[in-house]
C-alpha atoms as a PDB file:
ATOM      1  CA  MET A   1       3.120  12.064 -11.093  1.00  0.00           C
ATOM      2  CA  LYS A   2       2.754   8.479 -10.712  1.00  0.00           C
ATOM      3  CA  SER A   3       1.260   8.804  -6.961  1.00  0.00           C
ATOM      4  CA  ASN A   4      -1.565  10.796  -8.370  1.00  0.00           C
ATOM      5  CA  LYS A   5      -2.332   8.320 -10.751  1.00  0.00           C
ATOM      6  CA  TYR A   6      -2.088   5.604  -7.969  1.00  0.00           C
ATOM      7  CA  ILE A   7      -4.288   7.520  -5.639  1.00  0.00           C
ATOM      8  CA  GLU A   8      -6.966   7.924  -8.547  1.00  0.00           C
ATOM      9  CA  GLU A   9      -7.364   4.297  -8.926  1.00  0.00           C
ATOM     10  CA  LEU A  10      -7.104   3.839  -5.108  1.00  0.00           C
ATOM     11  CA  GLN A  11     -10.423   6.130  -4.971  1.00  0.00           C
ATOM     12  CA  ALA A  12     -12.211   4.352  -7.697  1.00  0.00           C
ATOM     13  CA  LYS A  13     -11.903   0.747  -5.767  1.00  0.00           C
ATOM     14  CA  SER A  14     -14.525  -0.341  -3.353  1.00  0.00           C
ATOM     15  CA  ALA A  15     -13.751  -1.088   0.373  1.00  0.00           C
ATOM     16  CA  GLU A  16     -13.474  -4.955  -0.303  1.00  0.00           C
ATOM     17  CA  GLU A  17     -10.716  -4.113  -2.915  1.00  0.00           C
ATOM     18  CA  LEU A  18      -9.063  -1.830  -0.975  1.00  0.00           C
ATOM     19  CA  GLN A  19      -8.840  -4.284   1.959  1.00  0.00           C
ATOM     20  CA  ASN A  20      -7.262  -6.917  -0.410  1.00  0.00           C
ATOM     21  CA  ASP A  21      -4.597  -4.393  -1.525  1.00  0.00           C
ATOM     22  CA  LEU A  22      -3.936  -3.919   1.860  1.00  0.00           C
ATOM     23  CA  VAL A  23      -3.413  -7.092   2.930  1.00  0.00           C
ATOM     24  CA  ALA A  24      -1.207  -7.766  -0.225  1.00  0.00           C
ATOM     25  CA  ALA A  25       0.857  -4.975   0.511  1.00  0.00           C
ATOM     26  CA  LYS A  26       1.576  -5.771   4.042  1.00  0.00           C
ATOM     27  CA  LYS A  27       2.598  -9.310   2.606  1.00  0.00           C
ATOM     28  CA  GLU A  28       4.898  -7.586   0.303  1.00  0.00           C
ATOM     29  CA  LEU A  29       6.453  -5.315   2.952  1.00  0.00           C
ATOM     30  CA  PHE A  30       6.932  -8.432   5.122  1.00  0.00           C
ATOM     31  CA  ASN A  31       8.926 -10.402   2.307  1.00  0.00           C
ATOM     32  CA  LEU A  32      10.863  -7.190   1.598  1.00  0.00           C
ATOM     33  CA  ARG A  33      12.057  -6.906   4.803  1.00  0.00           C
ATOM     34  CA  PHE A  34      12.890 -10.598   5.451  1.00  0.00           C
ATOM     35  CA  GLN A  35      14.841 -10.319   2.366  1.00  0.00           C
ATOM     36  CA  ASN A  36      16.991  -7.104   3.539  1.00  0.00           C
ATOM     37  CA  ALA A  37      17.852  -9.180   6.556  1.00  0.00           C
ATOM     38  CA  THR A  38      18.997 -12.015   4.403  1.00  0.00           C
ATOM     39  CA  ASN A  39      20.895  -9.204   2.473  1.00  0.00           C
ATOM     40  CA  GLN A  40      19.197 -10.938  -0.789  1.00  0.00           C
ATOM     41  CA  LEU A  41      17.358  -7.616  -1.463  1.00  0.00           C
ATOM     42  CA  ASP A  42      18.813  -5.537  -4.294  1.00  0.00           C
ATOM     43  CA  ASN A  43      16.050  -2.439  -4.427  1.00  0.00           C
ATOM     44  CA  THR A  44      16.244  -1.233  -0.733  1.00  0.00           C
ATOM     45  CA  SER A  45      14.056   1.854  -1.812  1.00  0.00           C
ATOM     46  CA  ARG A  46      10.983  -0.599  -2.307  1.00  0.00           C
ATOM     47  CA  ILE A  47      10.310  -0.888   1.184  1.00  0.00           C
ATOM     48  CA  LYS A  48       9.801   2.794   1.730  1.00  0.00           C
ATOM     49  CA  GLU A  49       7.628   2.872  -1.663  1.00  0.00           C
ATOM     50  CA  VAL A  50       5.368   0.119  -0.203  1.00  0.00           C
ATOM     51  CA  ARG A  51       5.260   1.953   3.393  1.00  0.00           C
ATOM     52  CA  ARG A  52       3.748   4.779   1.723  1.00  0.00           C
ATOM     53  CA  ASN A  53       1.426   2.886  -0.508  1.00  0.00           C
ATOM     54  CA  ILE A  54       0.205   1.107   2.543  1.00  0.00           C
ATOM     55  CA  ALA A  55      -0.176   4.512   4.129  1.00  0.00           C
ATOM     56  CA  ARG A  56      -2.222   5.830   0.956  1.00  0.00           C
ATOM     57  CA  ILE A  57      -4.319   2.508   1.488  1.00  0.00           C
ATOM     58  CA  GLN A  58      -5.255   3.129   4.607  1.00  0.00           C
ATOM     59  CA  THR A  59      -5.975   6.834   4.403  1.00  0.00           C
ATOM     60  CA  ILE A  60      -8.420   6.209   1.417  1.00  0.00           C
ATOM     61  CA  ILE A  61     -10.091   3.812   3.390  1.00  0.00           C
ATOM     62  CA  THR A  62     -10.736   6.028   6.216  1.00  0.00           C
ATOM     63  CA  GLU A  63     -11.765   8.913   4.115  1.00  0.00           C
ATOM     64  CA  LYS A  64     -14.418   6.633   2.407  1.00  0.00           C
ATOM     65  CA  ALA A  65     -15.443   5.336   6.132  1.00  0.00           C
ATOM     66  CA  ASN A  66     -16.079   8.920   7.448  1.00  0.00           C
ATOM     67  CA  ALA A  67     -17.809   9.704   3.948  1.00  0.00           C
ATOM     68  CA  ALA A  68     -20.364   6.725   4.911  1.00  0.00           C
ATOM     69  CA  GLN A  69     -21.108   7.921   8.123  1.00  0.00           C
END
């Protein structure tokens, strides 16, 4: 499954790389919402996908933080 590969890639990254990915995903979500509000967004399902990716990234960050303690 596609999401499983994505999760494995996230788990292999360092905490700093995950933070950078999180910032980039949040910027992308903002841009998608802006495009949706101005009726310029063709693929509205991308919003849902990015929201889930943000949640995945945050979950991996939390897991790594808990494992470090």
